[in-house]
Amino acid sequence: MLKGLLLGVAGLAMTLTNAVPVFAQEVVKVGLILPMTGPFASTGRQVSAGAKAFIAAKGDTAGGKKIELIIRDDGGVADQTRRIAQELVVNEGTKVLAGFGLTPLAMAVAPVATQAKIPTVVMAAGTAAITKASPFITRTSGTLPQYSVPVGTWASQNGIKKVVTLVSDYGPGVDAEKWFTKEFKAKGGEIAEAVRIPLQNPDFAPFLQRVRDAKPDAVFVFLPSGVGSLFMKQFADRGLADAGIKLIATGDVTDDDILNSMGKPAIGTITGHFYATSHDSPENKAYVEAFEKANNKMRPNFMSVGGYDGMALIYNALEKTKGDASGPAFMEAVKGLSWTSPRGPVSIDPETRDIIQNIYIREVKEVNGQLHNVEFQTFSALKDPEKAEAK
């Protein structure tokens, strides 16, 4: 039944496209679908602000076409995401879909992207399998295997022998657990226990007690962006740091947007990720200044850069196609694109449509009275290791 509905969506979209007067073709509508309300609203706020920052910096035309950004709130509910995507394609004449704050939301749109041949740019969700779900999906955030392998490398090189993994029990968490474990064990490390936390469970205390009881050298953590403050409080309350257990994680845990609210318990946390507000480059300095000015001094985080670079990808692809936003032409243009981002040099893998980027190892430090993820080691031009291994 769903397949028939989607075929109908694609057919109706084609009919509508053919019926639109020629002058309307000068506008390329980009439908940005994000959780603007609900528990993951911070992701939507950051991604949309990043996308707007790019348009403010670069103008609203690309490939000779005017770019119109349409923002829709899915509340973090996959059924809503799919319904909104269908409405944008059929009723709004949207040419590009983008956003997607969580893996289930991106996966929900994959059938729509495939059937309607709509270019779809994932700006936030990080499960490696997403780009495999449709040939019309590309990504400007990153994958959990990309962030997790360097943390495993760093841990093995810095005296950490025994680790408990603690991850949210859904796609990204499973990816993080798998690839950290693979790298850490390959370098001689021991995984004492693998703990998975229900995604909707905000109480980490019993799981942290299990970590403390296992007496590891460190705990490796993945949690979705936005819940790090509660985790950090309970990490301190349970006395893990006092017990000599080091906190190592993906950068989602020490999200720059909420890092200052974590306070002193966050200091010393080691993470791996593709962007920090404190990244030292002229491009990032300009980005942070413009972003904070436009958003009442809100600090940009990695989600915002996913939105910013998502628009960079869309603009660059349209320049290559001379404004042709049709699925096959756009996706061919995406392959091999490269540019300098606020995060550093990036490109799109022509084989996987995933982003190739630097991953930085960072330590939370107090700098001029504020907490920052301070980068101290770079793993350059990393591809998604899961897809590289599968070849």
Protein backbone atom coordinates (compact mmCIF):
# COMPACT_ATOMS: atom_id res chain seq x y z
CA MET A 1 0.00 0.00 0.00
CA LEU A 2 2.85 2.41 0.94
CA LYS A 3 4.64 1.69 -2.33
CA GLY A 4 1.51 2.51 -4.28
CA LEU A 5 1.05 5.73 -2.34
CA LEU A 6 4.62 6.79 -2.98
CA LEU A 7 4.35 5.97 -6.68
CA GLY A 8 1.28 8.17 -6.68
CA VAL A 9 3.26 10.92 -4.96
CA ALA A 10 5.98 10.69 -7.58
CA GLY A 11 3.52 10.66 -10.46
CA LEU A 12 1.55 13.58 -9.05
CA ALA A 13 4.73 15.52 -8.39
CA MET A 14 5.78 14.98 -12.01
CA THR A 15 2.37 16.09 -13.24
CA LEU A 16 2.52 19.22 -11.13
CA THR A 17 6.06 19.98 -12.27
CA ASN A 18 5.06 19.73 -15.91
CA ALA A 19 2.07 22.01 -15.28
CA VAL A 20 4.06 24.83 -13.64
CA PRO A 21 4.62 27.89 -15.84
CA VAL A 22 8.17 28.43 -17.09
CA PHE A 23 8.83 31.50 -14.95
CA ALA A 24 8.25 29.52 -11.74
CA GLN A 25 11.12 27.22 -12.63
CA GLU A 26 13.47 30.06 -11.62
CA VAL A 27 12.84 29.16 -7.95
CA VAL A 28 14.32 26.07 -6.29
CA LYS A 29 12.44 25.31 -3.09
CA VAL A 30 14.43 23.53 -0.36
CA GLY A 31 12.24 21.82 2.22
CA LEU A 32 14.00 21.73 5.60
CA ILE A 33 12.31 19.13 7.85
CA LEU A 34 13.47 19.30 11.47
CA PRO A 35 12.33 18.77 15.07
CA MET A 36 11.63 22.41 15.95
CA THR A 37 9.56 21.38 19.00
CA GLY A 38 9.78 18.46 21.41
CA PRO A 39 12.79 16.87 23.11
CA PHE A 40 15.11 17.35 20.11
CA ALA A 41 14.18 20.96 19.37
CA SER A 42 17.75 22.14 20.00
CA THR A 43 18.82 20.13 16.94
CA GLY A 44 16.21 21.81 14.77
CA ARG A 45 17.11 25.23 16.12
CA GLN A 46 20.81 24.77 15.36
CA VAL A 47 20.45 23.16 11.91
CA SER A 48 17.96 25.76 10.68
CA ALA A 49 20.12 28.61 12.03
CA GLY A 50 23.14 27.15 10.22
CA ALA A 51 21.22 26.90 6.94
CA LYS A 52 20.02 30.50 7.29
CA ALA A 53 23.57 31.62 8.10
CA PHE A 54 24.80 30.20 4.80
CA ILE A 55 22.10 32.01 2.81
CA ALA A 56 22.84 35.24 4.68
CA ALA A 57 26.54 34.90 3.83
CA LYS A 58 26.27 33.72 0.23
CA GLY A 59 22.99 35.18 -1.03
CA ASP A 60 19.81 33.49 -2.17
CA THR A 61 20.75 32.42 -5.71
CA ALA A 62 22.66 29.40 -7.03
CA GLY A 63 23.05 28.14 -10.57
CA GLY A 64 20.97 31.06 -11.78
CA LYS A 65 18.00 30.06 -9.61
CA LYS A 66 16.52 31.74 -6.54
CA ILE A 67 16.68 29.55 -3.43
CA GLU A 68 13.62 29.48 -1.20
CA LEU A 69 13.96 27.78 2.19
CA ILE A 70 10.79 26.19 3.60
CA ILE A 71 11.11 25.05 7.24
CA ARG A 72 8.70 22.44 8.61
CA ASP A 73 8.51 20.99 12.15
CA ASP A 74 8.18 17.20 12.45
CA GLY A 75 8.40 17.19 16.26
CA GLY A 76 10.91 14.33 16.02
CA VAL A 77 8.17 11.87 14.90
CA ALA A 78 8.98 9.70 11.87
CA ASP A 79 5.39 9.48 10.59
CA GLN A 80 5.24 13.26 10.63
CA THR A 81 8.54 13.50 8.77
CA ARG A 82 7.29 11.25 5.98
CA ARG A 83 3.94 13.05 5.71
CA ILE A 84 5.61 16.47 5.57
CA ALA A 85 8.04 15.26 2.89
CA GLN A 86 5.14 14.05 0.75
CA GLU A 87 3.28 17.34 1.19
CA LEU A 88 6.36 19.39 0.32
CA VAL A 89 6.91 17.42 -2.88
CA VAL A 90 3.27 17.31 -4.00
CA ASN A 91 1.77 20.56 -2.73
CA GLU A 92 4.76 22.90 -2.47
CA GLY A 93 6.74 21.85 -5.54
CA THR A 94 9.85 21.33 -3.41
CA LYS A 95 12.92 20.28 -5.40
CA VAL A 96 15.29 19.35 -2.54
CA LEU A 97 14.52 17.83 0.87
CA ALA A 98 16.93 18.41 3.76
CA GLY A 99 17.39 18.40 7.53
CA PHE A 100 16.45 15.22 9.50
CA GLY A 101 17.47 15.48 13.14
CA LEU A 102 17.46 11.77 13.99
CA THR A 103 18.12 8.52 12.13
CA PRO A 104 14.49 7.26 12.19
CA LEU A 105 13.38 10.56 10.63
CA ALA A 106 15.87 10.31 7.79
CA MET A 107 14.99 6.67 7.18
CA ALA A 108 11.28 7.55 7.02
CA VAL A 109 11.90 9.83 4.04
CA ALA A 110 14.10 7.42 2.06
CA PRO A 111 11.16 5.80 0.18
CA VAL A 112 9.79 9.24 -0.76
CA ALA A 113 13.23 10.32 -2.02
CA THR A 114 13.57 7.17 -4.12
CA GLN A 115 10.09 7.10 -5.63
CA ALA A 116 9.89 10.82 -6.40
CA LYS A 117 13.62 11.09 -7.32
CA ILE A 118 14.05 14.03 -4.93
CA PRO A 119 17.59 14.98 -3.82
CA THR A 120 17.72 14.61 -0.03
CA VAL A 121 20.45 16.14 2.13
CA VAL A 122 20.87 14.69 5.64
CA MET A 123 22.26 17.48 7.82
CA ALA A 124 22.17 15.87 11.28
CA ALA A 125 21.41 12.13 11.56
CA GLY A 126 24.51 9.95 11.92
CA THR A 127 23.77 6.23 11.42
CA ALA A 128 26.09 4.92 8.71
CA ALA A 129 23.34 3.04 6.83
CA ILE A 130 21.26 6.12 5.96
CA THR A 131 22.87 6.83 2.58
CA LYS A 132 22.35 3.18 1.61
CA ALA A 133 18.59 3.62 2.03
CA SER A 134 18.20 5.64 -1.19
CA PRO A 135 20.42 6.64 -4.13
CA PHE A 136 18.98 10.14 -3.74
CA ILE A 137 20.38 10.69 -0.21
CA THR A 138 23.63 12.48 0.57
CA ARG A 139 24.94 13.75 3.91
CA THR A 140 26.80 16.74 5.38
CA SER A 141 26.85 15.78 9.06
CA GLY A 142 28.90 12.61 9.49
CA THR A 143 28.64 9.04 10.71
CA LEU A 144 29.14 7.56 14.15
CA PRO A 145 31.83 5.15 12.88
CA GLN A 146 33.79 8.22 11.69
CA TYR A 147 33.76 9.77 15.18
CA SER A 148 34.14 6.57 17.20
CA VAL A 149 37.19 4.93 15.61
CA PRO A 150 39.54 7.85 16.44
CA VAL A 151 38.40 7.78 20.09
CA GLY A 152 39.31 4.09 20.20
CA THR A 153 42.71 4.88 18.70
CA TRP A 154 43.35 7.68 21.18
CA ALA A 155 42.31 5.54 24.16
CA SER A 156 44.62 2.70 23.18
CA GLN A 157 47.54 5.14 22.83
CA ASN A 158 46.98 6.84 26.18
CA GLY A 159 47.18 4.15 28.83
CA ILE A 160 43.54 3.06 28.80
CA LYS A 161 43.33 -0.75 28.95
CA LYS A 162 39.81 -1.56 30.15
CA VAL A 163 36.61 0.21 29.02
CA VAL A 164 32.86 -0.04 29.54
CA THR A 165 30.81 1.19 26.57
CA LEU A 166 27.58 3.07 27.39
CA VAL A 167 25.39 4.05 24.44
CA SER A 168 21.78 4.91 23.57
CA ASP A 169 20.06 1.85 22.18
CA TYR A 170 19.31 2.85 18.59
CA GLY A 171 21.16 3.03 15.28
CA PRO A 172 23.83 5.64 16.08
CA GLY A 173 24.55 4.12 19.49
CA VAL A 174 24.95 0.66 18.01
CA ASP A 175 27.31 2.11 15.38
CA ALA A 176 29.36 3.91 18.04
CA GLU A 177 29.62 0.84 20.25
CA LYS A 178 30.59 -1.42 17.34
CA TRP A 179 33.31 0.76 15.86
CA PHE A 180 34.88 1.98 19.10
CA THR A 181 35.00 -1.64 20.30
CA LYS A 182 36.46 -2.88 17.02
CA GLU A 183 39.27 -0.31 17.06
CA PHE A 184 40.00 -0.50 20.80
CA LYS A 185 40.16 -4.31 20.89
CA ALA A 186 42.30 -4.41 17.73
CA LYS A 187 44.82 -2.27 19.63
CA GLY A 188 44.81 -4.67 22.62
CA GLY A 189 42.13 -3.11 24.80
CA GLU A 190 39.47 -4.94 26.82
CA ILE A 191 35.73 -4.20 26.84
CA ALA A 192 34.55 -5.08 30.36
CA GLU A 193 30.86 -4.57 29.59
CA ALA A 194 28.64 -3.14 26.84
CA VAL A 195 25.68 -1.21 28.28
CA ARG A 196 22.80 0.11 26.16
CA ILE A 197 20.37 2.73 27.46
CA PRO A 198 16.78 3.01 26.15
CA LEU A 199 16.56 6.10 23.95
CA GLN A 200 13.61 7.53 25.87
CA ASN A 201 15.07 6.87 29.35
CA PRO A 202 16.40 10.09 30.91
CA ASP A 203 17.70 8.41 34.10
CA PHE A 204 21.30 7.34 33.62
CA ALA A 205 22.00 6.65 37.31
CA PRO A 206 21.47 2.85 37.37
CA PHE A 207 23.53 2.42 34.22
CA LEU A 208 26.34 4.56 35.61
CA GLN A 209 26.33 2.43 38.75
CA ARG A 210 26.95 -0.62 36.55
CA VAL A 211 29.89 1.20 35.03
CA ARG A 212 31.34 2.06 38.44
CA ASP A 213 30.93 -1.53 39.66
CA ALA A 214 32.90 -2.82 36.63
CA LYS A 215 35.91 -0.64 37.67
CA PRO A 216 37.16 0.23 34.16
CA ASP A 217 39.86 2.73 33.29
CA ALA A 218 37.33 4.66 31.21
CA VAL A 219 33.75 4.68 29.99
CA PHE A 220 33.06 5.34 26.29
CA VAL A 221 29.74 7.13 25.77
CA PHE A 222 27.40 8.01 22.93
CA LEU A 223 24.17 9.92 23.62
CA PRO A 224 22.06 11.98 21.20
CA SER A 225 22.82 15.68 21.16
CA GLY A 226 21.04 17.66 23.87
CA VAL A 227 20.99 15.27 26.84
CA GLY A 228 24.62 15.70 27.89
CA SER A 229 23.85 18.05 30.81
CA LEU A 230 21.75 15.48 32.67
CA PHE A 231 24.27 12.76 31.95
CA MET A 232 27.18 14.87 33.19
CA LYS A 233 25.36 15.72 36.42
CA GLN A 234 24.63 12.07 37.14
CA PHE A 235 28.18 11.07 36.17
CA ALA A 236 29.43 13.45 38.87
CA ASP A 237 26.75 12.46 41.40
CA ARG A 238 27.67 8.77 41.07
CA GLY A 239 31.31 9.61 41.75
CA LEU A 240 32.77 8.00 38.63
CA ALA A 241 35.47 10.63 38.21
CA ASP A 242 36.36 10.32 41.89
CA ALA A 243 36.71 6.57 41.33
CA GLY A 244 39.31 7.26 38.62
CA ILE A 245 37.06 6.40 35.67
CA LYS A 246 37.83 8.66 32.70
CA LEU A 247 35.01 9.87 30.45
CA ILE A 248 35.65 9.48 26.71
CA ALA A 249 32.90 9.99 24.16
CA THR A 250 31.72 11.14 20.79
CA GLY A 251 31.27 14.91 20.54
CA ASP A 252 27.48 14.65 20.80
CA VAL A 253 27.88 14.34 24.59
CA THR A 254 29.74 17.67 25.01
CA ASP A 255 27.54 19.55 22.54
CA ASP A 256 28.81 23.16 22.33
CA ASP A 257 25.24 24.48 22.52
CA ILE A 258 24.85 23.24 26.11
CA LEU A 259 28.45 22.72 27.23
CA ASN A 260 28.58 25.73 29.56
CA SER A 261 25.53 24.43 31.44
CA MET A 262 27.42 21.21 32.32
CA GLY A 263 29.82 23.03 34.63
CA LYS A 264 33.04 21.71 36.13
CA PRO A 265 32.14 17.97 35.90
CA ALA A 266 32.63 18.21 32.12
CA ILE A 267 36.22 19.49 32.37
CA GLY A 268 38.72 16.91 31.18
CA THR A 269 36.25 14.93 29.05
CA ILE A 270 37.89 13.60 25.86
CA THR A 271 35.75 13.43 22.74
CA GLY A 272 36.06 12.86 19.02
CA HIS A 273 34.05 14.89 16.51
CA PHE A 274 34.12 16.98 13.34
CA TYR A 275 33.48 20.45 14.75
CA ALA A 276 33.98 22.61 17.80
CA THR A 277 33.01 26.27 18.19
CA SER A 278 36.65 26.94 19.13
CA HIS A 279 38.03 25.41 15.90
CA ASP A 280 40.93 27.65 14.84
CA SER A 281 40.45 28.85 11.27
CA PRO A 282 39.50 32.14 9.60
CA GLU A 283 36.42 30.51 8.08
CA ASN A 284 35.20 29.38 11.49
CA LYS A 285 35.95 32.70 13.16
CA ALA A 286 33.78 34.47 10.58
CA TYR A 287 31.08 31.82 10.92
CA VAL A 288 30.88 31.99 14.71
CA GLU A 289 30.75 35.80 14.71
CA ALA A 290 27.96 35.93 12.12
CA PHE A 291 26.02 33.07 13.72
CA GLU A 292 26.09 34.54 17.23
CA LYS A 293 25.13 37.99 15.93
CA ALA A 294 22.12 36.57 14.07
CA ASN A 295 21.00 34.29 16.91
CA ASN A 296 21.12 36.38 20.08
CA LYS A 297 24.63 35.15 21.02
CA MET A 298 23.67 31.45 20.76
CA ARG A 299 26.83 29.39 20.34
CA PRO A 300 26.91 27.32 17.12
CA ASN A 301 27.39 23.58 17.50
CA PHE A 302 28.14 20.73 15.11
CA MET A 303 24.47 20.48 14.11
CA SER A 304 24.56 24.07 12.89
CA VAL A 305 27.56 23.30 10.71
CA GLY A 306 25.71 20.31 9.25
CA GLY A 307 22.99 22.78 8.21
CA TYR A 308 25.48 25.35 6.90
CA ASP A 309 27.34 22.77 4.84
CA GLY A 310 24.10 21.21 3.66
CA MET A 311 23.28 24.49 1.97
CA ALA A 312 26.86 24.69 0.66
CA LEU A 313 26.36 21.29 -0.97
CA ILE A 314 23.03 22.36 -2.50
CA TYR A 315 24.50 25.59 -3.88
CA ASN A 316 27.60 23.88 -5.27
CA ALA A 317 25.56 21.13 -6.92
CA LEU A 318 23.21 23.66 -8.54
CA GLU A 319 26.19 25.63 -9.83
CA LYS A 320 27.49 22.46 -11.50
CA THR A 321 24.10 21.62 -13.03
CA LYS A 322 23.40 25.25 -14.02
CA GLY A 323 20.29 25.20 -11.88
CA ASP A 324 19.00 21.74 -12.78
CA ALA A 325 17.59 20.32 -9.51
CA SER A 326 16.26 17.09 -11.02
CA GLY A 327 17.26 14.07 -8.95
CA PRO A 328 19.62 12.28 -11.37
CA ALA A 329 21.45 15.47 -12.42
CA PHE A 330 21.73 16.82 -8.88
CA MET A 331 23.01 13.56 -7.40
CA GLU A 332 25.60 13.17 -10.15
CA ALA A 333 26.80 16.70 -9.41
CA VAL A 334 27.11 15.92 -5.69
CA LYS A 335 29.74 13.25 -6.26
CA GLY A 336 33.23 14.56 -5.52
CA LEU A 337 32.17 18.07 -4.47
CA SER A 338 34.70 19.72 -2.17
CA TRP A 339 34.83 23.00 -0.26
CA THR A 340 36.27 24.64 2.85
CA SER A 341 33.82 24.49 5.74
CA PRO A 342 33.95 26.17 9.16
CA ARG A 343 34.98 22.68 10.34
CA GLY A 344 37.87 22.42 7.83
CA PRO A 345 38.22 20.83 4.38
CA VAL A 346 35.36 18.54 3.34
CA SER A 347 34.31 16.59 0.26
CA ILE A 348 31.60 14.16 -0.80
CA ASP A 349 32.69 10.58 -1.44
CA PRO A 350 31.64 9.86 -5.05
CA GLU A 351 31.02 6.20 -4.23
CA THR A 352 28.94 6.54 -1.04
CA ARG A 353 27.61 10.15 -1.16
CA ASP A 354 28.82 10.51 2.44
CA ILE A 355 31.06 13.29 3.69
CA ILE A 356 34.85 12.95 3.96
CA GLN A 357 36.19 15.16 6.75
CA ASN A 358 38.68 15.67 9.55
CA ILE A 359 37.85 14.22 12.94
CA TYR A 360 39.37 16.04 15.90
CA ILE A 361 40.18 14.72 19.36
CA ARG A 362 39.22 17.40 21.89
CA GLU A 363 39.40 18.01 25.64
CA VAL A 364 36.87 20.10 27.55
CA LYS A 365 38.72 23.04 29.08
CA GLU A 366 37.83 26.35 30.65
CA VAL A 367 38.90 29.17 28.33
CA ASN A 368 38.30 32.80 29.33
CA GLY A 369 35.63 31.74 31.79
CA GLN A 370 33.73 29.49 29.36
CA LEU A 371 33.89 25.77 28.63
CA HIS A 372 35.12 24.74 25.19
CA ASN A 373 36.00 21.56 23.31
CA VAL A 374 39.67 22.29 22.64
CA GLU A 375 41.09 20.33 19.70
CA PHE A 376 44.53 18.78 20.14
CA GLN A 377 44.79 15.97 17.57
CA THR A 378 43.52 15.61 13.99
CA PHE A 379 42.61 12.51 11.99
CA SER A 380 42.59 13.90 8.47
CA ALA A 381 40.20 13.24 5.59
CA LEU A 382 38.40 10.25 7.10
CA LYS A 383 35.82 8.34 5.08
CA ASP A 384 33.01 6.45 6.78
CA PRO A 385 34.87 3.28 7.86
CA GLU A 386 31.79 1.05 7.69
CA LYS A 387 31.35 1.65 3.96
CA ALA A 388 35.09 1.50 3.35
CA GLU A 389 35.20 -1.94 5.00
CA ALA A 390 32.20 -3.17 2.99
CA LYS A 391 33.91 -2.53 -0.35
